[in-house]
Protein backbone atom coordinates (compact mmCIF):
# COMPACT_ATOMS: atom_id res chain seq x y z
CA MET A 1 124.94 142.45 106.06
CA GLN A 2 122.30 142.78 109.01
CA THR A 3 123.51 142.21 112.53
CA GLU A 4 122.05 140.23 115.25
CA PRO A 5 119.82 139.98 116.83
CA ARG A 6 116.97 139.97 114.25
CA THR A 7 114.40 138.15 116.02
CA SER A 8 113.03 137.86 119.77
CA PRO A 9 115.18 135.83 121.93
CA THR A 10 111.95 133.83 122.74
CA GLY A 11 111.12 133.08 119.16
CA PRO A 12 111.77 129.96 117.16
CA LEU A 13 115.35 131.46 115.60
CA ILE A 14 118.54 131.96 117.39
CA GLY A 15 121.60 133.83 116.18
CA ALA A 16 125.04 132.60 116.11
CA HIS A 17 126.53 134.61 118.94
CA ASP A 18 123.44 133.83 121.31
CA LEU A 19 123.90 130.11 120.58
CA ALA A 20 127.66 130.29 121.32
CA ASP A 21 126.75 132.00 124.73
CA ARG A 22 124.51 129.07 125.62
CA LEU A 23 126.39 126.11 124.27
CA GLU A 24 126.47 124.63 127.73
CA GLU A 25 122.75 124.98 128.35
CA VAL A 26 121.50 123.50 125.18
CA THR A 27 121.57 120.42 122.88
CA VAL A 28 122.66 121.19 119.36
CA LEU A 29 121.71 119.00 116.57
CA ASP A 30 123.61 119.09 113.10
CA VAL A 31 121.08 118.04 110.44
CA ARG A 32 123.00 119.05 107.18
CA TRP A 33 121.45 117.42 104.31
CA ARG A 34 120.20 118.34 100.76
CA LEU A 35 118.87 116.55 97.80
CA GLY A 36 121.62 115.47 95.86
CA GLY A 37 124.25 117.00 97.95
CA PRO A 38 127.25 115.78 99.90
CA PRO A 39 126.57 113.18 102.83
CA GLY A 40 126.06 115.33 105.85
CA GLU A 41 127.75 113.06 108.15
CA GLN A 42 131.03 113.71 106.33
CA GLU A 43 130.30 117.33 106.37
CA HIS A 44 129.86 116.95 110.08
CA ALA A 45 133.04 115.33 110.69
CA ALA A 46 134.93 117.87 108.72
CA GLY A 47 133.60 120.72 111.11
CA HIS A 48 130.51 121.35 113.33
CA VAL A 49 129.34 123.48 116.17
CA PRO A 50 131.08 122.13 119.35
CA GLY A 51 128.98 119.42 121.15
CA ALA A 52 126.69 119.13 118.14
CA ALA A 53 125.49 115.69 117.45
CA TYR A 54 124.76 114.68 113.80
CA VAL A 55 121.18 113.51 112.99
CA ASP A 56 120.45 111.94 109.43
CA LEU A 57 117.27 113.29 107.87
CA ASP A 58 116.88 110.26 105.67
CA THR A 59 117.17 107.57 108.38
CA ALA A 60 116.14 109.43 111.47
CA LEU A 61 113.85 112.21 110.39
CA ALA A 62 111.73 110.39 107.89
CA ASP A 63 110.53 106.79 107.13
CA PRO A 64 111.55 104.99 103.98
CA PRO A 65 109.90 106.13 100.85
CA GLY A 66 106.50 104.43 100.06
CA ALA A 67 102.69 105.07 99.88
CA GLY A 68 103.00 108.10 102.17
CA GLY A 69 105.43 109.76 99.75
CA ARG A 70 109.34 110.26 99.63
CA HIS A 71 109.82 111.38 103.22
CA PRO A 72 106.91 110.27 105.38
CA LEU A 73 106.83 111.04 109.01
CA PRO A 74 109.15 108.81 111.05
CA ASP A 75 107.75 105.99 113.14
CA PRO A 76 107.48 107.65 116.55
CA SER A 77 109.50 104.88 118.21
CA ARG A 78 112.33 105.18 115.75
CA LEU A 79 112.26 108.94 115.93
CA GLN A 80 112.56 108.77 119.83
CA ASP A 81 115.55 106.26 119.57
CA ALA A 82 117.22 108.57 117.17
CA LEU A 83 116.69 111.83 119.10
CA ARG A 84 117.63 110.13 122.48
CA ALA A 85 120.93 108.85 120.81
CA ALA A 86 121.56 112.44 119.87
CA GLY A 87 121.35 113.36 123.45
CA VAL A 88 117.95 115.20 123.20
CA ARG A 89 116.26 115.52 126.69
CA GLY A 90 112.73 116.69 127.21
CA ASP A 91 113.72 119.35 129.84
CA ARG A 92 116.71 120.84 127.77
CA PRO A 93 116.59 123.37 124.91
CA VAL A 94 117.51 122.21 121.40
CA VAL A 95 119.02 124.06 118.62
CA VAL A 96 119.00 122.73 115.15
CA TYR A 97 121.02 123.88 112.13
CA ASP A 98 121.91 122.97 108.54
CA ASP A 99 123.75 124.50 105.69
CA TRP A 100 120.73 124.72 103.30
CA GLN A 101 119.30 127.89 104.57
CA GLY A 102 117.30 126.28 107.15
CA ARG A 103 115.25 123.79 105.15
CA ALA A 104 116.38 120.73 106.79
CA ALA A 105 116.70 122.27 110.15
CA ALA A 106 113.12 123.43 110.01
CA ARG A 107 112.13 119.75 109.35
CA CYS A 108 113.73 118.70 112.53
CA TRP A 109 112.38 121.66 114.37
CA TRP A 110 109.00 120.96 113.40
CA LEU A 111 109.33 117.24 114.05
CA LEU A 112 110.49 117.97 117.54
CA ARG A 113 107.63 120.38 118.20
CA TRP A 114 105.30 117.72 116.72
CA ALA A 115 106.71 115.21 119.12
CA GLY A 116 106.13 117.36 122.09
CA HIS A 117 109.35 119.21 122.72
CA GLU A 118 108.27 122.91 123.62
CA ASP A 119 111.79 124.53 123.49
CA VAL A 120 113.30 124.14 120.04
CA ARG A 121 115.09 126.82 117.84
CA VAL A 122 116.77 126.92 114.39
CA LEU A 123 120.21 128.62 114.04
CA ASP A 124 119.37 131.57 111.85
CA GLY A 125 121.83 131.34 108.84
CA GLY A 126 122.91 127.83 109.88
CA TRP A 127 126.48 126.62 109.57
CA GLY A 128 127.44 129.60 107.25
CA ALA A 129 126.48 132.11 110.00
CA TRP A 130 128.25 130.17 112.54
CA CYS A 131 131.51 130.21 110.44
CA ASP A 132 131.09 133.89 109.33
CA ALA A 133 131.01 134.76 112.98
CA GLY A 134 134.39 133.22 113.38
CA LEU A 135 133.29 131.05 116.22
CA ASP A 136 134.89 127.75 117.46
CA VAL A 137 134.66 124.80 115.13
CA ALA A 138 134.93 121.15 116.25
CA THR A 139 135.93 118.23 113.99
CA GLY A 140 135.50 114.47 114.19
CA PRO A 141 132.76 112.38 115.92
CA GLU A 142 130.83 113.77 118.96
CA VAL A 143 130.17 111.44 121.97
CA VAL A 144 126.94 112.72 123.71
CA GLU A 145 125.18 111.60 126.76
CA PRO A 146 121.99 109.63 125.76
CA GLY A 147 118.79 111.83 126.08
CA ASP A 148 115.49 110.73 127.56
CA LEU A 149 112.96 112.55 125.34
CA VAL A 150 109.43 110.83 125.16
CA VAL A 151 108.04 111.30 121.79
CA ARG A 152 104.37 112.05 122.02
CA PRO A 153 103.26 112.76 118.35
CA GLY A 154 100.49 115.16 117.61
CA ALA A 155 101.54 118.49 119.23
CA LEU A 156 101.49 120.18 115.80
CA PRO A 157 98.71 119.63 113.43
CA THR A 158 98.87 117.63 110.08
CA VAL A 159 96.51 117.20 107.32
CA THR A 160 95.94 114.25 104.76
CA ALA A 161 95.36 114.67 100.91
CA ASP A 162 91.58 114.13 101.62
CA ASP A 163 91.55 117.27 103.93
CA LEU A 164 93.19 119.75 101.58
CA PRO A 165 89.75 120.54 99.71
CA GLY A 166 88.22 121.50 103.04
CA VAL A 167 91.24 123.75 103.74
CA LEU A 168 90.79 125.32 100.36
CA ALA A 169 87.22 126.15 100.91
CA THR A 170 87.82 128.17 103.99
CA GLY A 171 91.58 129.07 104.10
CA VAL A 172 94.71 128.62 102.05
CA VAL A 173 96.93 125.77 100.92
CA LEU A 174 100.55 126.85 100.32
CA ASP A 175 102.97 125.23 98.18
CA ALA A 176 106.58 125.77 99.29
CA ARG A 177 108.32 124.62 96.08
CA ASP A 178 110.29 126.84 93.64
CA PRO A 179 107.87 128.65 91.17
CA ALA A 180 109.05 126.52 88.26
CA ARG A 181 107.97 123.33 90.03
CA TYR A 182 104.83 124.72 91.37
CA ALA A 183 103.85 125.85 87.86
CA GLY A 184 104.71 122.48 86.25
CA GLU A 185 107.40 123.82 84.04
CA THR A 186 109.98 121.38 85.44
CA GLU A 187 109.77 118.34 87.68
CA PRO A 188 113.23 116.85 88.72
CA VAL A 189 112.07 114.25 91.13
CA ASP A 190 108.25 113.39 91.13
CA PRO A 191 106.73 111.56 88.10
CA VAL A 192 103.87 114.32 87.52
CA ALA A 193 104.52 118.06 87.28
CA GLY A 194 102.11 120.74 88.67
CA HIS A 195 100.48 121.72 91.82
CA VAL A 196 97.28 121.04 93.91
CA PRO A 197 94.67 122.95 92.24
CA GLY A 198 93.84 126.28 94.32
CA ALA A 199 97.19 126.19 96.05
CA ARG A 200 99.17 129.23 96.27
CA ASN A 201 102.89 129.36 95.58
CA ALA A 202 105.01 130.40 98.69
CA PRO A 203 108.61 129.43 97.86
CA THR A 204 110.88 129.09 100.72
CA GLY A 205 113.46 131.37 99.19
CA ARG A 206 110.92 134.25 99.80
CA ASN A 207 111.33 133.66 103.54
CA LEU A 208 114.94 134.77 103.41
CA ALA A 209 116.91 137.87 103.05
CA ALA A 210 119.89 138.31 100.79
CA ASP A 211 122.28 136.94 103.61
CA GLY A 212 120.27 133.75 104.05
CA ARG A 213 118.72 134.59 107.30
CA PHE A 214 115.06 134.86 107.91
CA LEU A 215 113.44 138.14 107.06
CA GLU A 216 112.11 140.20 110.13
CA PRO A 217 108.84 139.21 111.70
CA GLY A 218 106.90 142.13 110.18
CA ALA A 219 108.19 141.49 106.62
CA LEU A 220 107.18 137.64 106.93
CA ALA A 221 103.81 138.79 108.33
CA GLU A 222 103.20 140.83 105.01
CA VAL A 223 104.41 137.80 102.88
CA TYR A 224 101.83 135.61 104.49
CA ALA A 225 99.07 138.12 105.05
CA ALA A 226 96.61 135.83 103.27
CA ALA A 227 97.31 133.10 106.02
CA ARG A 228 96.31 135.12 108.91
CA ASP A 229 93.18 134.08 110.94
CA VAL A 230 92.20 131.39 108.27
CA PRO A 231 92.87 127.46 108.10
CA VAL A 232 96.22 126.88 106.56
CA ALA A 233 97.97 123.82 105.25
CA VAL A 234 101.50 123.64 103.62
CA TYR A 235 103.09 121.03 101.35
CA CYS A 236 106.07 120.87 99.19
CA GLY A 237 107.65 117.92 97.30
CA SER A 238 108.12 115.44 100.12
CA GLY A 239 107.26 117.31 103.32
CA VAL A 240 110.67 118.51 104.23
CA THR A 241 110.97 122.10 102.92
CA ALA A 242 107.27 122.72 103.70
CA ALA A 243 108.46 123.11 107.42
CA HIS A 244 110.50 126.18 106.29
CA ASP A 245 107.03 127.89 105.59
CA LEU A 246 105.66 126.66 108.88
CA LEU A 247 108.77 128.00 110.59
CA ALA A 248 108.50 131.41 108.66
CA LEU A 249 104.78 131.59 109.69
CA GLU A 250 105.86 130.99 113.33
CA VAL A 251 108.35 133.83 113.01
CA ALA A 252 105.77 136.08 111.65
CA GLY A 253 103.38 135.30 114.48
CA ILE A 254 100.87 133.11 112.52
CA PRO A 255 101.09 129.73 114.36
CA GLY A 256 98.78 126.92 113.97
CA ALA A 257 99.28 125.99 110.25
CA ALA A 258 99.25 122.29 109.30
CA LEU A 259 101.84 120.26 107.49
CA TYR A 260 100.54 118.00 104.75
CA PRO A 261 103.30 115.30 105.26
CA GLY A 262 103.09 113.27 102.13
CA SER A 263 103.14 116.45 99.96
CA TRP A 264 103.23 116.41 96.16
CA SER A 265 105.05 113.02 96.11
CA GLU A 266 101.99 111.40 97.78
CA TRP A 267 99.49 113.48 96.07
CA VAL A 268 100.49 112.25 92.64
CA ARG A 269 100.38 108.66 93.51
CA ASP A 270 96.73 108.70 92.89
CA ALA A 271 95.84 109.31 89.23
CA ASP A 272 92.41 110.38 90.32
CA ARG A 273 93.70 113.39 92.14
CA PRO A 274 93.52 116.67 90.10
CA VAL A 275 96.63 118.33 88.97
CA ALA A 276 96.89 122.20 87.95
CA THR A 277 99.81 123.79 86.04
CA GLY A 278 100.82 127.30 85.25
CA HIS A 279 100.97 130.38 87.59
CA GLU A 280 97.30 130.72 88.72
CA PRO A 281 96.02 134.26 89.50
CA GLY A 282 96.47 134.87 93.25
CA SER A 283 98.90 132.03 93.45
CA ALA A 284 101.24 134.07 95.82
CA ALA A 285 100.79 133.95 99.47
CA HIS A 286 100.04 137.66 99.72
């Protein structure tokens, strides 16, 4: 088991003990969610970081499924209302956590940054790291003072399906899904299996050490060596776990990558868009 701290105190990750020392200074958001998993709000009520407000991914951090995919970016005004209700302020740091190895938390981290909040971190190791550290646990609902965050979308870059060929021509497109889904060997959610032709597979699990925490910045820089100094776009199934790769790139010191929000769930809505299967040569990010 590796010990804290693993990352710079100014980076996008924070350790459990560091968060415990700063609970009075930050707003904590519990965004526990996973596809087909238990309801996150029930998990929050059963135990959470003291003071943490629960934020639901499906209703607060995404618009309803539709032409833009299964988890389109949320309407800015609705996102602002949800974040204010959770106590998010523009002048107060935010820490986000989940129990899905940072995948849902990364979506919230990315959205907050996209919305213009500059001081947002993810609890490295999530709820499990907090519990493993033996830190205080609160139960039941939290009553928080409403925040004042003004959502100004566009602070982080996004791309559309039509932009991907241009990114591929000069840079790299990363597919954050598991290798079997990338290769089209299985597809449990979307109607078509496979990947965007030319995209490289960069599964989120490769961002993590055996303890579920993010790899060291230097190790992540090696994983994403092909993404340095070139245009980069990242997608996944619905735009949620792609944010995990974007967070890993930030930890690695490779900022500026763009999210394809609609991801595979939007790509396959148009039957004229090409689909590739198999493990293409050079499909890894490095």
